[in-house]
Amino acid sequence: MATTIQHYQDLGDFDYGTCDQVTPLVRRVICKNPTPFTYKGTGTYLIGQGEVAVVDPGPPLLSHLDDILGALDPGEVVTHAFITHTHSDHSPLTKQLKERTGAISYGYGPHGAVREDDPNDRVDFSEYISTEEQDQYRKEYEELPEELKREGADTEFAPDVFLADGDIVHGSTWTIGAIHTPGHCSNHLCFELKEERSLFSGDHVMGWATSVVGPPDGSMKNYMESLRKLLPFNHDRYWPTHGPAIPNPVDYVRSFISHREQREEQIVSFLRKGPQKIADFVPEMYAKYDKRLWYPAAGSVHAHLLHMVETGRAEVVDAAEEPKLTATYRLS
């Protein structure tokens, strides 16, 4: 039986640029960067009073920086910036935030391995995309602000302070604990707010969709381990960077684990029909999704297959070929 994931696709009434006090210690400002990849946009969190910490400043959109600083009360200052991971909708604005406030940035470290630009290792779903859809996608891209057109890894970011799993940072009105949760990204951290037993879950656990796991920096083995790692903490609530709060996180994370296990079962069922490429079955697996999401979905399928190859459950048909995105796979 398929697991139903109850995504919380409702942020309630909000206006871009405004600040919402979502708990006694937490405020949220949502960046106006909605796309099929970011849902309504990047949710930047402000923690505490007086000396304030910011979680995931967001993309390099200066209007969003103005909104973050405009959310401060008179006399408040931003002293800390916590970065869950180095993707272009999370970390780039940290530079300008530091320049304006003098805040110290905290994260696991710089971005990990970046996929090489290999023209012979690209999936192609263009035959499934109509001319009208292509025109629509092109128009939406052209209308984006220039600052939002660059997507993917932020290879320029490095934190001032490197955090390891279990590290604690104390503020004047808050306490943050770092939990290393690689998978979506090798340097992904979730941040506990000890005073409220809540977790800022970044892209590891989102409220509107499952996380993309894209090799070489993403790892399905690590992602599954990191999901299971969160269960014993038994937090009361998650605050993801995209989407609304998650009020029953333990059950929700378990549904993510089941969902990924079922995705792997789907891949096995396709390969039982004979050797296939990822591009052969992604359109069927993700038929109900926006076609632009098929490309990152192919990355997640690739991550599943790499894990299956590593554990001896699948193999590349041509033994001399690397297990690339475009390789042909079969069951071992």
C-alpha atoms as a PDB file:
ATOM      1  CA  MET A   1       0.000   0.000   0.000  1.00  0.00           C
ATOM      2  CA  ALA A   2       1.335   3.435  -0.924  1.00  0.00           C
ATOM      3  CA  THR A   3       2.119   5.823   1.896  1.00  0.00           C
ATOM      4  CA  THR A   4       0.226   9.097   1.822  1.00  0.00           C
ATOM      5  CA  ILE A   5       2.366  12.061   2.793  1.00  0.00           C
ATOM      6  CA  GLN A   6       0.295  14.828   4.342  1.00  0.00           C
ATOM      7  CA  HIS A   7       2.083  17.857   2.967  1.00  0.00           C
ATOM      8  CA  TYR A   8       1.080  21.073   4.696  1.00  0.00           C
ATOM      9  CA  GLN A   9       0.615  23.228   1.608  1.00  0.00           C
ATOM     10  CA  ASP A  10      -0.934  26.165   3.417  1.00  0.00           C
ATOM     11  CA  LEU A  11       1.039  29.037   4.885  1.00  0.00           C
ATOM     12  CA  GLY A  12      -2.147  30.834   5.856  1.00  0.00           C
ATOM     13  CA  ASP A  13      -2.545  34.513   5.152  1.00  0.00           C
ATOM     14  CA  PHE A  14       0.801  36.178   4.542  1.00  0.00           C
ATOM     15  CA  ASP A  15       2.180  39.041   2.520  1.00  0.00           C
ATOM     16  CA  TYR A  16       5.633  39.046   1.003  1.00  0.00           C
ATOM     17  CA  GLY A  17       7.934  41.345   2.916  1.00  0.00           C
ATOM     18  CA  THR A  18       5.908  41.316   6.116  1.00  0.00           C
ATOM     19  CA  CYS A  19       6.984  39.701   9.369  1.00  0.00           C
ATOM     20  CA  ASP A  20       4.826  37.131  11.165  1.00  0.00           C
ATOM     21  CA  GLN A  21       5.381  36.292  14.828  1.00  0.00           C
ATOM     22  CA  VAL A  22       4.829  32.528  14.624  1.00  0.00           C
ATOM     23  CA  THR A  23       5.876  31.631  18.210  1.00  0.00           C
ATOM     24  CA  PRO A  24       7.021  33.667  21.222  1.00  0.00           C
ATOM     25  CA  LEU A  25      10.659  33.359  20.077  1.00  0.00           C
ATOM     26  CA  VAL A  26      10.309  33.034  16.301  1.00  0.00           C
ATOM     27  CA  ARG A  27       9.430  35.459  13.522  1.00  0.00           C
ATOM     28  CA  ARG A  28       9.262  34.607   9.816  1.00  0.00           C
ATOM     29  CA  VAL A  29       9.685  36.694   6.662  1.00  0.00           C
ATOM     30  CA  ILE A  30       8.974  34.970   3.335  1.00  0.00           C
ATOM     31  CA  CYS A  31      11.080  35.982   0.358  1.00  0.00           C
ATOM     32  CA  LYS A  32       9.317  36.731  -2.912  1.00  0.00           C
ATOM     33  CA  ASN A  33      11.051  33.976  -4.869  1.00  0.00           C
ATOM     34  CA  PRO A  34       8.255  31.475  -5.542  1.00  0.00           C
ATOM     35  CA  THR A  35       9.091  28.836  -8.168  1.00  0.00           C
ATOM     36  CA  PRO A  36       8.242  25.163  -8.762  1.00  0.00           C
ATOM     37  CA  PHE A  37      11.388  24.455  -6.705  1.00  0.00           C
ATOM     38  CA  THR A  38      10.814  26.805  -3.741  1.00  0.00           C
ATOM     39  CA  TYR A  39       7.022  26.666  -3.252  1.00  0.00           C
ATOM     40  CA  LYS A  40       5.936  30.124  -1.995  1.00  0.00           C
ATOM     41  CA  GLY A  41       9.532  31.199  -1.433  1.00  0.00           C
ATOM     42  CA  THR A  42      12.345  31.046   1.107  1.00  0.00           C
ATOM     43  CA  GLY A  43      11.137  31.351   4.689  1.00  0.00           C
ATOM     44  CA  THR A  44      13.749  33.290   6.666  1.00  0.00           C
ATOM     45  CA  TYR A  45      13.435  32.983  10.439  1.00  0.00           C
ATOM     46  CA  LEU A  46      14.399  35.493  13.116  1.00  0.00           C
ATOM     47  CA  ILE A  47      14.981  34.002  16.559  1.00  0.00           C
ATOM     48  CA  GLY A  48      14.892  35.755  19.902  1.00  0.00           C
ATOM     49  CA  GLN A  49      14.644  39.338  21.078  1.00  0.00           C
ATOM     50  CA  GLY A  50      17.286  42.014  21.361  1.00  0.00           C
ATOM     51  CA  GLU A  51      20.222  40.074  19.954  1.00  0.00           C
ATOM     52  CA  VAL A  52      18.564  38.197  17.094  1.00  0.00           C
ATOM     53  CA  ALA A  53      19.659  35.142  15.101  1.00  0.00           C
ATOM     54  CA  VAL A  54      18.643  34.682  11.452  1.00  0.00           C
ATOM     55  CA  VAL A  55      18.181  31.236   9.878  1.00  0.00           C
ATOM     56  CA  ASP A  56      18.696  31.015   6.089  1.00  0.00           C
ATOM     57  CA  PRO A  57      18.902  34.647   4.897  1.00  0.00           C
ATOM     58  CA  GLY A  58      17.940  33.516   1.391  1.00  0.00           C
ATOM     59  CA  PRO A  59      18.824  34.436  -2.195  1.00  0.00           C
ATOM     60  CA  PRO A  60      20.815  37.615  -3.002  1.00  0.00           C
ATOM     61  CA  LEU A  61      17.707  39.780  -3.246  1.00  0.00           C
ATOM     62  CA  LEU A  62      18.380  43.083  -1.487  1.00  0.00           C
ATOM     63  CA  SER A  63      14.680  43.816  -1.081  1.00  0.00           C
ATOM     64  CA  HIS A  64      14.471  40.673   1.078  1.00  0.00           C
ATOM     65  CA  LEU A  65      17.372  41.917   3.206  1.00  0.00           C
ATOM     66  CA  ASP A  66      15.471  45.151   3.740  1.00  0.00           C
ATOM     67  CA  ASP A  67      12.435  43.131   4.807  1.00  0.00           C
ATOM     68  CA  ILE A  68      14.490  41.061   7.268  1.00  0.00           C
ATOM     69  CA  LEU A  69      16.022  44.129   8.878  1.00  0.00           C
ATOM     70  CA  GLY A  70      12.672  45.893   8.796  1.00  0.00           C
ATOM     71  CA  ALA A  71      11.273  43.099  10.958  1.00  0.00           C
ATOM     72  CA  LEU A  72      13.562  44.081  13.837  1.00  0.00           C
ATOM     73  CA  ASP A  73      12.172  46.058  16.748  1.00  0.00           C
ATOM     74  CA  PRO A  74      13.859  49.344  17.707  1.00  0.00           C
ATOM     75  CA  GLY A  75      17.210  48.643  19.334  1.00  0.00           C
ATOM     76  CA  GLU A  76      17.428  45.055  18.078  1.00  0.00           C
ATOM     77  CA  VAL A  77      20.479  43.794  16.196  1.00  0.00           C
ATOM     78  CA  VAL A  78      21.249  40.669  14.175  1.00  0.00           C
ATOM     79  CA  THR A  79      24.215  38.936  15.797  1.00  0.00           C
ATOM     80  CA  HIS A  80      24.124  35.430  14.283  1.00  0.00           C
ATOM     81  CA  ALA A  81      23.271  33.924  10.885  1.00  0.00           C
ATOM     82  CA  PHE A  82      22.665  30.162  10.777  1.00  0.00           C
ATOM     83  CA  ILE A  83      22.860  28.521   7.344  1.00  0.00           C
ATOM     84  CA  THR A  84      21.205  25.130   6.858  1.00  0.00           C
ATOM     85  CA  HIS A  85      23.054  24.502   3.566  1.00  0.00           C
ATOM     86  CA  THR A  86      24.607  26.141   0.549  1.00  0.00           C
ATOM     87  CA  HIS A  87      21.963  26.340  -2.165  1.00  0.00           C
ATOM     88  CA  SER A  88      21.204  29.573  -3.992  1.00  0.00           C
ATOM     89  CA  ASP A  89      17.874  30.155  -2.238  1.00  0.00           C
ATOM     90  CA  HIS A  90      19.373  29.781   1.255  1.00  0.00           C
ATOM     91  CA  SER A  91      22.883  31.141   1.758  1.00  0.00           C
ATOM     92  CA  PRO A  92      23.915  33.885  -0.753  1.00  0.00           C
ATOM     93  CA  LEU A  93      22.274  36.805   1.079  1.00  0.00           C
ATOM     94  CA  THR A  94      24.469  36.062   4.102  1.00  0.00           C
ATOM     95  CA  LYS A  95      27.220  38.213   2.608  1.00  0.00           C
ATOM     96  CA  GLN A  96      25.073  41.349   2.466  1.00  0.00           C
ATOM     97  CA  LEU A  97      23.506  40.576   5.847  1.00  0.00           C
ATOM     98  CA  LYS A  98      26.961  40.472   7.414  1.00  0.00           C
ATOM     99  CA  GLU A  99      27.945  43.731   5.722  1.00  0.00           C
ATOM    100  CA  ARG A 100      24.863  45.502   7.034  1.00  0.00           C
ATOM    101  CA  THR A 101      24.824  44.082  10.558  1.00  0.00           C
ATOM    102  CA  GLY A 102      28.224  42.626  11.453  1.00  0.00           C
ATOM    103  CA  ALA A 103      26.574  39.263  12.184  1.00  0.00           C
ATOM    104  CA  ILE A 104      28.708  36.122  12.442  1.00  0.00           C
ATOM    105  CA  SER A 105      27.740  33.263  10.128  1.00  0.00           C
ATOM    106  CA  TYR A 106      27.467  29.643  11.271  1.00  0.00           C
ATOM    107  CA  GLY A 107      27.293  26.527   9.096  1.00  0.00           C
ATOM    108  CA  TYR A 108      28.758  23.095   8.533  1.00  0.00           C
ATOM    109  CA  GLY A 109      31.193  24.255   5.870  1.00  0.00           C
ATOM    110  CA  PRO A 110      31.470  25.135   2.177  1.00  0.00           C
ATOM    111  CA  HIS A 111      29.540  23.314  -0.525  1.00  0.00           C
ATOM    112  CA  GLY A 112      30.635  19.786  -1.406  1.00  0.00           C
ATOM    113  CA  ALA A 113      31.221  18.156  -4.783  1.00  0.00           C
ATOM    114  CA  VAL A 114      29.593  19.830  -7.776  1.00  0.00           C
ATOM    115  CA  ARG A 115      28.406  17.788 -10.740  1.00  0.00           C
ATOM    116  CA  GLU A 116      30.665  18.173 -13.745  1.00  0.00           C
ATOM    117  CA  ASP A 117      29.161  19.737 -16.849  1.00  0.00           C
ATOM    118  CA  ASP A 118      29.202  16.670 -19.065  1.00  0.00           C
ATOM    119  CA  PRO A 119      27.144  17.177 -22.267  1.00  0.00           C
ATOM    120  CA  ASN A 120      26.966  13.399 -22.638  1.00  0.00           C
ATOM    121  CA  ASP A 121      25.440  12.918 -19.188  1.00  0.00           C
ATOM    122  CA  ARG A 122      22.202  14.894 -19.334  1.00  0.00           C
ATOM    123  CA  VAL A 123      18.668  13.585 -19.238  1.00  0.00           C
ATOM    124  CA  ASP A 124      16.395  15.004 -21.917  1.00  0.00           C
ATOM    125  CA  PHE A 125      12.637  15.241 -21.442  1.00  0.00           C
ATOM    126  CA  SER A 126      12.052  17.781 -24.218  1.00  0.00           C
ATOM    127  CA  GLU A 127       9.942  15.344 -26.234  1.00  0.00           C
ATOM    128  CA  TYR A 128       7.376  15.392 -23.418  1.00  0.00           C
ATOM    129  CA  ILE A 129       7.190  19.213 -23.236  1.00  0.00           C
ATOM    130  CA  SER A 130       4.899  20.973 -25.686  1.00  0.00           C
ATOM    131  CA  THR A 131       5.762  24.198 -27.496  1.00  0.00           C
ATOM    132  CA  GLU A 132       3.178  26.008 -25.363  1.00  0.00           C
ATOM    133  CA  GLU A 133       4.770  24.704 -22.164  1.00  0.00           C
ATOM    134  CA  GLN A 134       8.235  25.675 -23.384  1.00  0.00           C
ATOM    135  CA  ASP A 135       7.001  29.193 -24.133  1.00  0.00           C
ATOM    136  CA  GLN A 136       5.422  29.419 -20.693  1.00  0.00           C
ATOM    137  CA  TYR A 137       8.583  28.253 -18.927  1.00  0.00           C
ATOM    138  CA  ARG A 138      10.725  30.680 -20.944  1.00  0.00           C
ATOM    139  CA  LYS A 139       8.420  33.600 -20.165  1.00  0.00           C
ATOM    140  CA  GLU A 140       8.385  32.827 -16.435  1.00  0.00           C
ATOM    141  CA  TYR A 141      12.187  32.614 -16.389  1.00  0.00           C
ATOM    142  CA  GLU A 142      12.619  35.888 -18.269  1.00  0.00           C
ATOM    143  CA  GLU A 143      10.336  37.649 -15.770  1.00  0.00           C
ATOM    144  CA  LEU A 144      12.467  36.604 -12.803  1.00  0.00           C
ATOM    145  CA  PRO A 145      14.739  39.232 -11.225  1.00  0.00           C
ATOM    146  CA  GLU A 146      18.336  38.699 -12.329  1.00  0.00           C
ATOM    147  CA  GLU A 147      19.315  37.794  -8.759  1.00  0.00           C
ATOM    148  CA  LEU A 148      16.989  34.765  -8.864  1.00  0.00           C
ATOM    149  CA  LYS A 149      18.009  33.337 -12.212  1.00  0.00           C
ATOM    150  CA  ARG A 150      21.015  31.483 -10.854  1.00  0.00           C
ATOM    151  CA  GLU A 151      19.965  28.237  -9.192  1.00  0.00           C
ATOM    152  CA  GLY A 152      21.900  25.437  -7.601  1.00  0.00           C
ATOM    153  CA  ALA A 153      25.038  25.333  -5.480  1.00  0.00           C
ATOM    154  CA  ASP A 154      26.383  28.415  -3.716  1.00  0.00           C
ATOM    155  CA  THR A 155      30.075  27.596  -3.978  1.00  0.00           C
ATOM    156  CA  GLU A 156      31.163  31.030  -2.721  1.00  0.00           C
ATOM    157  CA  PHE A 157      29.833  30.676   0.823  1.00  0.00           C
ATOM    158  CA  ALA A 158      31.972  29.619   3.760  1.00  0.00           C
ATOM    159  CA  PRO A 159      30.818  30.173   7.354  1.00  0.00           C
ATOM    160  CA  ASP A 160      32.750  32.234   9.853  1.00  0.00           C
ATOM    161  CA  VAL A 161      32.199  29.471  12.397  1.00  0.00           C
ATOM    162  CA  PHE A 162      32.145  25.795  11.367  1.00  0.00           C
ATOM    163  CA  LEU A 163      29.591  23.779  13.317  1.00  0.00           C
ATOM    164  CA  ALA A 164      29.818  20.037  13.919  1.00  0.00           C
ATOM    165  CA  ASP A 165      27.034  17.664  14.846  1.00  0.00           C
ATOM    166  CA  GLY A 166      25.932  18.339  18.424  1.00  0.00           C
ATOM    167  CA  ASP A 167      27.494  21.793  18.750  1.00  0.00           C
ATOM    168  CA  ILE A 168      25.564  24.321  20.840  1.00  0.00           C
ATOM    169  CA  VAL A 169      25.421  28.095  20.293  1.00  0.00           C
ATOM    170  CA  HIS A 170      24.026  30.321  23.047  1.00  0.00           C
ATOM    171  CA  GLY A 171      22.321  33.644  22.442  1.00  0.00           C
ATOM    172  CA  SER A 172      20.938  36.082  24.961  1.00  0.00           C
ATOM    173  CA  THR A 173      17.368  34.699  24.665  1.00  0.00           C
ATOM    174  CA  TRP A 174      17.846  31.459  22.723  1.00  0.00           C
ATOM    175  CA  THR A 175      19.922  28.277  22.470  1.00  0.00           C
ATOM    176  CA  ILE A 176      20.609  26.602  19.111  1.00  0.00           C
ATOM    177  CA  GLY A 177      21.819  23.026  18.682  1.00  0.00           C
ATOM    178  CA  ALA A 178      23.285  21.810  15.386  1.00  0.00           C
ATOM    179  CA  ILE A 179      22.275  18.436  13.919  1.00  0.00           C
ATOM    180  CA  HIS A 180      24.230  17.313  10.856  1.00  0.00           C
ATOM    181  CA  THR A 181      21.737  15.887   8.352  1.00  0.00           C
ATOM    182  CA  PRO A 182      23.572  15.149   5.086  1.00  0.00           C
ATOM    183  CA  GLY A 183      21.665  13.758   2.134  1.00  0.00           C
ATOM    184  CA  HIS A 184      20.019  16.609   0.291  1.00  0.00           C
ATOM    185  CA  CYS A 185      23.388  18.307   0.585  1.00  0.00           C
ATOM    186  CA  SER A 186      26.537  17.023   2.291  1.00  0.00           C
ATOM    187  CA  ASN A 187      26.779  20.140   4.469  1.00  0.00           C
ATOM    188  CA  HIS A 188      23.117  20.266   5.518  1.00  0.00           C
ATOM    189  CA  LEU A 189      22.408  21.153   9.140  1.00  0.00           C
ATOM    190  CA  CYS A 190      19.140  21.290  11.017  1.00  0.00           C
ATOM    191  CA  PHE A 191      18.972  23.651  13.984  1.00  0.00           C
ATOM    192  CA  GLU A 192      17.202  22.921  17.265  1.00  0.00           C
ATOM    193  CA  LEU A 193      15.676  25.777  19.203  1.00  0.00           C
ATOM    194  CA  LYS A 194      16.053  24.300  22.660  1.00  0.00           C
ATOM    195  CA  GLU A 195      13.659  26.683  24.413  1.00  0.00           C
ATOM    196  CA  GLU A 196      10.721  25.635  22.218  1.00  0.00           C
ATOM    197  CA  ARG A 197      11.682  22.012  21.397  1.00  0.00           C
ATOM    198  CA  SER A 198      11.393  22.901  17.723  1.00  0.00           C
ATOM    199  CA  LEU A 199      13.617  22.287  14.695  1.00  0.00           C
ATOM    200  CA  PHE A 200      14.534  24.461  11.734  1.00  0.00           C
ATOM    201  CA  SER A 201      14.658  21.666   9.185  1.00  0.00           C
ATOM    202  CA  GLY A 202      15.881  23.547   6.088  1.00  0.00           C
ATOM    203  CA  ASP A 203      15.355  21.411   2.979  1.00  0.00           C
ATOM    204  CA  HIS A 204      15.933  18.119   4.786  1.00  0.00           C
ATOM    205  CA  VAL A 205      12.254  17.979   5.758  1.00  0.00           C
ATOM    206  CA  MET A 206      10.024  20.439   3.914  1.00  0.00           C
ATOM    207  CA  GLY A 207       6.353  21.128   4.515  1.00  0.00           C
ATOM    208  CA  TRP A 208       5.238  21.083   0.900  1.00  0.00           C
ATOM    209  CA  ALA A 209       7.267  18.362  -0.888  1.00  0.00           C
ATOM    210  CA  THR A 210       9.939  15.751  -0.385  1.00  0.00           C
ATOM    211  CA  SER A 211      13.572  16.754  -0.669  1.00  0.00           C
ATOM    212  CA  VAL A 212      15.606  16.397  -3.850  1.00  0.00           C
ATOM    213  CA  VAL A 213      18.740  14.276  -3.434  1.00  0.00           C
ATOM    214  CA  GLY A 214      21.125  15.057  -6.275  1.00  0.00           C
ATOM    215  CA  PRO A 215      24.538  13.375  -6.633  1.00  0.00           C
ATOM    216  CA  PRO A 216      27.433  13.849  -6.345  1.00  0.00           C
ATOM    217  CA  ASP A 217      26.905  16.020  -3.267  1.00  0.00           C
ATOM    218  CA  GLY A 218      23.584  14.429  -2.415  1.00  0.00           C
ATOM    219  CA  SER A 219      23.483  10.857  -1.125  1.00  0.00           C
ATOM    220  CA  MET A 220      20.394   8.674  -0.726  1.00  0.00           C
ATOM    221  CA  LYS A 221      22.152   6.509   1.856  1.00  0.00           C
ATOM    222  CA  ASN A 222      22.977   9.597   3.920  1.00  0.00           C
ATOM    223  CA  TYR A 223      19.533  11.088   3.396  1.00  0.00           C
ATOM    224  CA  MET A 224      17.745   8.014   4.739  1.00  0.00           C
ATOM    225  CA  GLU A 225      20.135   7.794   7.687  1.00  0.00           C
ATOM    226  CA  SER A 226      19.581  11.480   8.439  1.00  0.00           C
ATOM    227  CA  LEU A 227      15.794  11.065   8.396  1.00  0.00           C
ATOM    228  CA  ARG A 228      16.033   8.210  10.887  1.00  0.00           C
ATOM    229  CA  LYS A 229      18.489  10.235  12.974  1.00  0.00           C
ATOM    230  CA  LEU A 230      15.823  12.849  13.705  1.00  0.00           C
ATOM    231  CA  LEU A 231      13.201  10.476  15.099  1.00  0.00           C
ATOM    232  CA  PRO A 232      14.605  10.021  18.648  1.00  0.00           C
ATOM    233  CA  PHE A 233      14.722  13.785  19.201  1.00  0.00           C
ATOM    234  CA  ASN A 234      10.913  13.839  19.214  1.00  0.00           C
ATOM    235  CA  HIS A 235      10.664  17.568  18.515  1.00  0.00           C
ATOM    236  CA  ASP A 236       7.295  19.246  18.959  1.00  0.00           C
ATOM    237  CA  ARG A 237       7.362  21.141  15.671  1.00  0.00           C
ATOM    238  CA  TYR A 238       9.479  21.675  12.546  1.00  0.00           C
ATOM    239  CA  TRP A 239       9.968  24.989  10.796  1.00  0.00           C
ATOM    240  CA  PRO A 240      11.109  24.200   7.235  1.00  0.00           C
ATOM    241  CA  THR A 241      12.641  26.863   4.999  1.00  0.00           C
ATOM    242  CA  HIS A 242       9.961  26.121   2.386  1.00  0.00           C
ATOM    243  CA  GLY A 243       6.375  25.574   3.400  1.00  0.00           C
ATOM    244  CA  PRO A 244       4.392  25.823   6.622  1.00  0.00           C
ATOM    245  CA  ALA A 245       5.161  24.417  10.045  1.00  0.00           C
ATOM    246  CA  ILE A 246       5.040  20.657  10.551  1.00  0.00           C
ATOM    247  CA  PRO A 247       3.105  19.997  13.792  1.00  0.00           C
ATOM    248  CA  ASN A 248       3.513  16.187  13.975  1.00  0.00           C
ATOM    249  CA  PRO A 249       7.110  15.760  12.802  1.00  0.00           C
ATOM    250  CA  VAL A 250       7.772  12.190  13.936  1.00  0.00           C
ATOM    251  CA  ASP A 251       4.897  10.747  11.913  1.00  0.00           C
ATOM    252  CA  TYR A 252       5.768  13.057   9.044  1.00  0.00           C
ATOM    253  CA  VAL A 253       9.408  11.945   8.916  1.00  0.00           C
ATOM    254  CA  ARG A 254       8.319   8.311   9.046  1.00  0.00           C
ATOM    255  CA  SER A 255       6.098   8.960   6.030  1.00  0.00           C
ATOM    256  CA  PHE A 256       9.129  10.407   4.191  1.00  0.00           C
ATOM    257  CA  ILE A 257      11.122   7.259   4.946  1.00  0.00           C
ATOM    258  CA  SER A 258       8.287   5.077   3.653  1.00  0.00           C
ATOM    259  CA  HIS A 259       7.900   7.256   0.579  1.00  0.00           C
ATOM    260  CA  ARG A 260      11.565   6.845  -0.349  1.00  0.00           C
ATOM    261  CA  GLU A 261      11.385   3.103   0.220  1.00  0.00           C
ATOM    262  CA  GLN A 262       8.414   2.961  -2.129  1.00  0.00           C
ATOM    263  CA  ARG A 263      10.236   5.026  -4.748  1.00  0.00           C
ATOM    264  CA  GLU A 264      12.993   2.436  -4.666  1.00  0.00           C
ATOM    265  CA  GLU A 265      10.392  -0.316  -5.074  1.00  0.00           C
ATOM    266  CA  GLN A 266       9.091   1.543  -8.131  1.00  0.00           C
ATOM    267  CA  ILE A 267      12.579   1.627  -9.626  1.00  0.00           C
ATOM    268  CA  VAL A 268      12.958  -2.104  -9.006  1.00  0.00           C
ATOM    269  CA  SER A 269       9.627  -2.762 -10.719  1.00  0.00           C
ATOM    270  CA  PHE A 270      10.774  -0.856 -13.813  1.00  0.00           C
ATOM    271  CA  LEU A 271      14.105  -2.689 -13.939  1.00  0.00           C
ATOM    272  CA  ARG A 272      12.353  -6.046 -13.635  1.00  0.00           C
ATOM    273  CA  LYS A 273      11.075  -5.377 -17.169  1.00  0.00           C
ATOM    274  CA  GLY A 274      14.670  -5.269 -18.390  1.00  0.00           C
ATOM    275  CA  PRO A 275      17.622  -2.855 -18.570  1.00  0.00           C
ATOM    276  CA  GLN A 276      16.553   0.791 -18.666  1.00  0.00           C
ATOM    277  CA  LYS A 277      17.819   4.345 -18.438  1.00  0.00           C
ATOM    278  CA  ILE A 278      16.563   6.812 -15.844  1.00  0.00           C
ATOM    279  CA  ALA A 279      14.986   8.950 -18.563  1.00  0.00           C
ATOM    280  CA  ASP A 280      12.907   5.937 -19.662  1.00  0.00           C
ATOM    281  CA  PHE A 281      10.771   5.802 -16.524  1.00  0.00           C
ATOM    282  CA  VAL A 282      10.947   9.176 -14.732  1.00  0.00           C
ATOM    283  CA  PRO A 283       8.071  10.582 -16.867  1.00  0.00           C
ATOM    284  CA  GLU A 284       5.863   7.743 -15.665  1.00  0.00           C
ATOM    285  CA  MET A 285       7.031   7.903 -12.040  1.00  0.00           C
ATOM    286  CA  TYR A 286       6.460  11.659 -11.857  1.00  0.00           C
ATOM    287  CA  ALA A 287       3.593  12.022 -14.337  1.00  0.00           C
ATOM    288  CA  LYS A 288       1.533  14.145 -11.912  1.00  0.00           C
ATOM    289  CA  TYR A 289       4.332  16.640 -11.245  1.00  0.00           C
ATOM    290  CA  ASP A 290       5.322  19.860 -12.994  1.00  0.00           C
ATOM    291  CA  LYS A 291       7.565  18.694 -15.848  1.00  0.00           C
ATOM    292  CA  ARG A 292      10.276  21.115 -14.771  1.00  0.00           C
ATOM    293  CA  LEU A 293      10.608  19.005 -11.640  1.00  0.00           C
ATOM    294  CA  TRP A 294      11.417  15.905 -13.687  1.00  0.00           C
ATOM    295  CA  TYR A 295      15.032  17.019 -14.008  1.00  0.00           C
ATOM    296  CA  PRO A 296      15.765  17.177 -10.260  1.00  0.00           C
ATOM    297  CA  ALA A 297      13.570  14.080  -9.822  1.00  0.00           C
ATOM    298  CA  ALA A 298      15.921  12.282 -12.214  1.00  0.00           C
ATOM    299  CA  GLY A 299      18.747  13.259  -9.853  1.00  0.00           C
ATOM    300  CA  SER A 300      16.922  11.656  -6.927  1.00  0.00           C
ATOM    301  CA  VAL A 301      16.303   8.483  -8.972  1.00  0.00           C
ATOM    302  CA  HIS A 302      20.012   8.502  -9.806  1.00  0.00           C
ATOM    303  CA  ALA A 303      20.783   8.743  -6.082  1.00  0.00           C
ATOM    304  CA  HIS A 304      18.556   5.714  -5.453  1.00  0.00           C
ATOM    305  CA  LEU A 305      20.319   3.743  -8.183  1.00  0.00           C
ATOM    306  CA  LEU A 306      23.781   4.698  -6.927  1.00  0.00           C
ATOM    307  CA  HIS A 307      22.802   3.389  -3.494  1.00  0.00           C
ATOM    308  CA  MET A 308      21.461   0.198  -5.093  1.00  0.00           C
ATOM    309  CA  VAL A 309      24.724  -0.243  -7.023  1.00  0.00           C
ATOM    310  CA  GLU A 310      26.767   0.342  -3.864  1.00  0.00           C
ATOM    311  CA  THR A 311      24.760  -2.325  -2.023  1.00  0.00           C
ATOM    312  CA  GLY A 312      24.902  -4.843  -4.889  1.00  0.00           C
ATOM    313  CA  ARG A 313      21.229  -4.693  -5.835  1.00  0.00           C
ATOM    314  CA  ALA A 314      21.693  -3.047  -9.253  1.00  0.00           C
ATOM    315  CA  GLU A 315      24.457  -2.629 -11.793  1.00  0.00           C
ATOM    316  CA  VAL A 316      25.358  -0.790 -14.957  1.00  0.00           C
ATOM    317  CA  VAL A 317      24.812  -2.931 -18.051  1.00  0.00           C
ATOM    318  CA  ASP A 318      28.172  -1.961 -19.514  1.00  0.00           C
ATOM    319  CA  ALA A 319      30.641  -2.899 -16.793  1.00  0.00           C
ATOM    320  CA  ALA A 320      33.181  -0.445 -18.208  1.00  0.00           C
ATOM    321  CA  GLU A 321      30.747   2.465 -17.906  1.00  0.00           C
ATOM    322  CA  GLU A 322      30.453   4.682 -14.842  1.00  0.00           C
ATOM    323  CA  PRO A 323      27.053   4.671 -13.062  1.00  0.00           C
ATOM    324  CA  LYS A 324      26.133   8.024 -14.563  1.00  0.00           C
ATOM    325  CA  LEU A 325      22.797   9.754 -14.855  1.00  0.00           C
ATOM    326  CA  THR A 326      22.469   8.510 -18.427  1.00  0.00           C
ATOM    327  CA  ALA A 327      23.798   4.963 -17.902  1.00  0.00           C
ATOM    328  CA  THR A 328      21.670   1.882 -18.542  1.00  0.00           C
ATOM    329  CA  TYR A 329      20.896  -0.063 -15.356  1.00  0.00           C
ATOM    330  CA  ARG A 330      19.641  -3.538 -14.547  1.00  0.00           C
ATOM    331  CA  LEU A 331      19.000  -5.536 -11.423  1.00  0.00           C
ATOM    332  CA  SER A 332      21.971  -7.553 -10.136  1.00  0.00           C
END
